[in-house]
């Protein structure tokens, strides 16, 4: 009579190796996707925080500028109000330029999105290309 077949005996080492390799590949892909999603989330949080602070800055700066300008021009003698207005405009122009330059520098200092993912992919690519 035929003895019952044990399923563990029927799997070959090649099938086991392929299974382990596919599990490793899936794990590799999963970790890369998790890294990508984590960096995407960090980028979204950073952008939202920057926008919130930018809006707060704009609202309060405009309120401060309006009240300060009106008060300054009100307390100037009548003959000096024209010169005072020109001085205020030049001052606001300089401050606007400084703010613009600072915002430009802040935008340049920001790390590019997905930098860690791209670096990891380059490392992975070099590992695979060296195995040939």
Protein backbone atom coordinates (compact mmCIF):
# COMPACT_ATOMS: atom_id res chain seq x y z
CA UNK A 1 0.00 0.00 0.00
CA UNK A 2 1.01 3.55 -0.53
CA UNK A 3 2.10 5.51 2.52
CA UNK A 4 0.39 8.89 2.94
CA UNK A 5 2.42 11.78 1.60
CA UNK A 6 3.73 14.29 4.09
CA UNK A 7 3.33 17.82 2.59
CA UNK A 8 6.52 19.05 4.28
CA UNK A 9 8.55 16.44 2.42
CA UNK A 10 7.18 17.50 -0.98
CA UNK A 11 8.52 21.07 -0.85
CA UNK A 12 11.94 21.36 -2.36
CA UNK A 13 14.73 23.61 -1.10
CA UNK A 14 14.35 25.65 -4.25
CA UNK A 15 10.72 26.47 -3.45
CA UNK A 16 11.66 27.35 0.13
CA UNK A 17 14.43 29.61 -1.13
CA UNK A 18 12.07 31.31 -3.59
CA UNK A 19 9.56 31.84 -0.79
CA UNK A 20 12.16 33.40 1.48
CA UNK A 21 13.41 35.56 -1.39
CA UNK A 22 9.90 36.79 -2.22
CA UNK A 23 9.25 37.53 1.47
CA UNK A 24 12.48 39.52 1.61
CA UNK A 25 11.55 41.41 -1.54
CA UNK A 26 8.10 42.25 -0.22
CA UNK A 27 9.58 43.38 3.09
CA UNK A 28 12.11 45.52 1.21
CA UNK A 29 9.37 47.17 -0.85
CA UNK A 30 7.20 47.71 2.23
CA UNK A 31 9.98 49.49 4.13
CA UNK A 32 10.70 51.75 1.15
CA UNK A 33 7.03 52.67 0.87
CA UNK A 34 6.87 53.38 4.62
CA UNK A 35 9.90 55.67 4.35
CA UNK A 36 8.35 57.48 1.40
CA UNK A 37 5.04 57.97 3.24
CA UNK A 38 6.82 59.16 6.37
CA UNK A 39 8.75 61.79 4.42
CA UNK A 40 5.57 62.85 2.64
CA UNK A 41 3.82 63.33 5.99
CA UNK A 42 6.75 65.35 7.37
CA UNK A 43 6.67 67.55 4.28
CA UNK A 44 2.95 68.18 4.65
CA UNK A 45 3.32 69.09 8.32
CA UNK A 46 6.21 71.46 7.57
CA UNK A 47 4.26 73.16 4.79
CA UNK A 48 1.13 73.55 6.94
CA UNK A 49 3.17 75.01 9.79
CA UNK A 50 4.88 77.47 7.45
CA UNK A 51 1.54 78.57 5.99
CA UNK A 52 -0.03 79.09 9.41
CA UNK A 53 2.86 81.24 10.61
CA UNK A 54 2.94 83.15 7.33
CA UNK A 55 -0.76 84.01 7.59
CA UNK A 56 -0.38 85.07 11.24
CA UNK A 57 2.60 87.21 10.33
CA UNK A 58 0.77 88.86 7.44
CA UNK A 59 -2.37 89.67 9.43
CA UNK A 60 -0.62 91.14 12.45
CA UNK A 61 2.03 92.92 10.43
CA UNK A 62 -0.62 94.64 8.34
CA UNK A 63 -2.57 95.65 11.43
CA UNK A 64 0.57 97.01 13.07
CA UNK A 65 1.64 98.88 9.97
CA UNK A 66 -1.76 100.48 9.49
CA UNK A 67 -2.11 101.67 13.07
CA UNK A 68 1.50 102.86 13.30
CA UNK A 69 1.29 104.77 10.04
CA UNK A 70 -1.92 106.52 10.96
CA UNK A 71 -0.59 107.44 14.41
CA UNK A 72 2.73 108.67 13.03
CA UNK A 73 1.14 110.83 10.34
CA UNK A 74 -1.49 112.15 12.76
CA UNK A 75 1.11 113.43 15.24
CA UNK A 76 3.28 115.12 12.59
CA UNK A 77 2.79 118.82 12.02
CA UNK A 78 0.65 119.60 8.98
CA UNK A 79 3.57 120.83 6.87
CA UNK A 80 5.61 117.67 7.49
CA UNK A 81 2.94 115.08 6.69
CA UNK A 82 3.96 114.77 3.02
CA UNK A 83 7.61 114.17 3.91
CA UNK A 84 6.51 111.81 6.68
CA UNK A 85 4.43 109.82 4.21
CA UNK A 86 7.39 109.50 1.82
CA UNK A 87 9.63 108.40 4.70
CA UNK A 88 7.11 105.80 5.81
CA UNK A 89 6.81 104.46 2.27
CA UNK A 90 10.59 104.15 1.93
CA UNK A 91 10.81 102.41 5.29
CA UNK A 92 8.08 99.94 4.37
CA UNK A 93 9.78 99.28 1.06
CA UNK A 94 13.07 98.41 2.82
CA UNK A 95 11.32 96.14 5.33
CA UNK A 96 9.44 94.42 2.50
CA UNK A 97 12.72 93.78 0.68
CA UNK A 98 14.36 92.34 3.81
CA UNK A 99 11.36 90.05 4.39
CA UNK A 100 11.42 88.88 0.80
CA UNK A 101 15.13 88.06 0.96
CA UNK A 102 14.69 86.20 4.26
CA UNK A 103 11.78 84.18 2.87
CA UNK A 104 13.87 83.31 -0.20
CA UNK A 105 16.74 82.11 2.01
CA UNK A 106 14.34 80.06 4.14
CA UNK A 107 12.94 78.40 1.01
CA UNK A 108 16.47 77.57 -0.19
CA UNK A 109 17.48 76.03 3.14
CA UNK A 110 14.60 73.59 3.12
CA UNK A 111 15.72 70.04 2.41
CA UNK A 112 14.21 68.55 -0.73
CA UNK A 113 11.33 66.18 -0.24
CA UNK A 114 12.10 62.47 -0.33
CA UNK A 115 15.84 63.03 0.02
CA UNK A 116 16.23 60.08 2.38
CA UNK A 117 14.21 57.85 0.04
CA UNK A 118 16.31 58.83 -2.94
CA UNK A 119 19.55 58.25 -1.01
CA UNK A 120 18.33 54.83 0.10
CA UNK A 121 17.35 53.92 -3.45
CA UNK A 122 20.82 54.95 -4.66
CA UNK A 123 22.40 52.73 -1.98
CA UNK A 124 20.16 49.85 -2.97
CA UNK A 125 20.98 50.35 -6.63
CA UNK A 126 24.71 50.36 -5.92
CA UNK A 127 24.37 47.18 -3.85
CA UNK A 128 22.50 45.40 -6.64
CA UNK A 129 24.88 46.63 -9.34
CA UNK A 130 27.93 45.47 -7.35
CA UNK A 131 26.53 41.94 -7.03
CA UNK A 132 26.92 41.18 -10.75
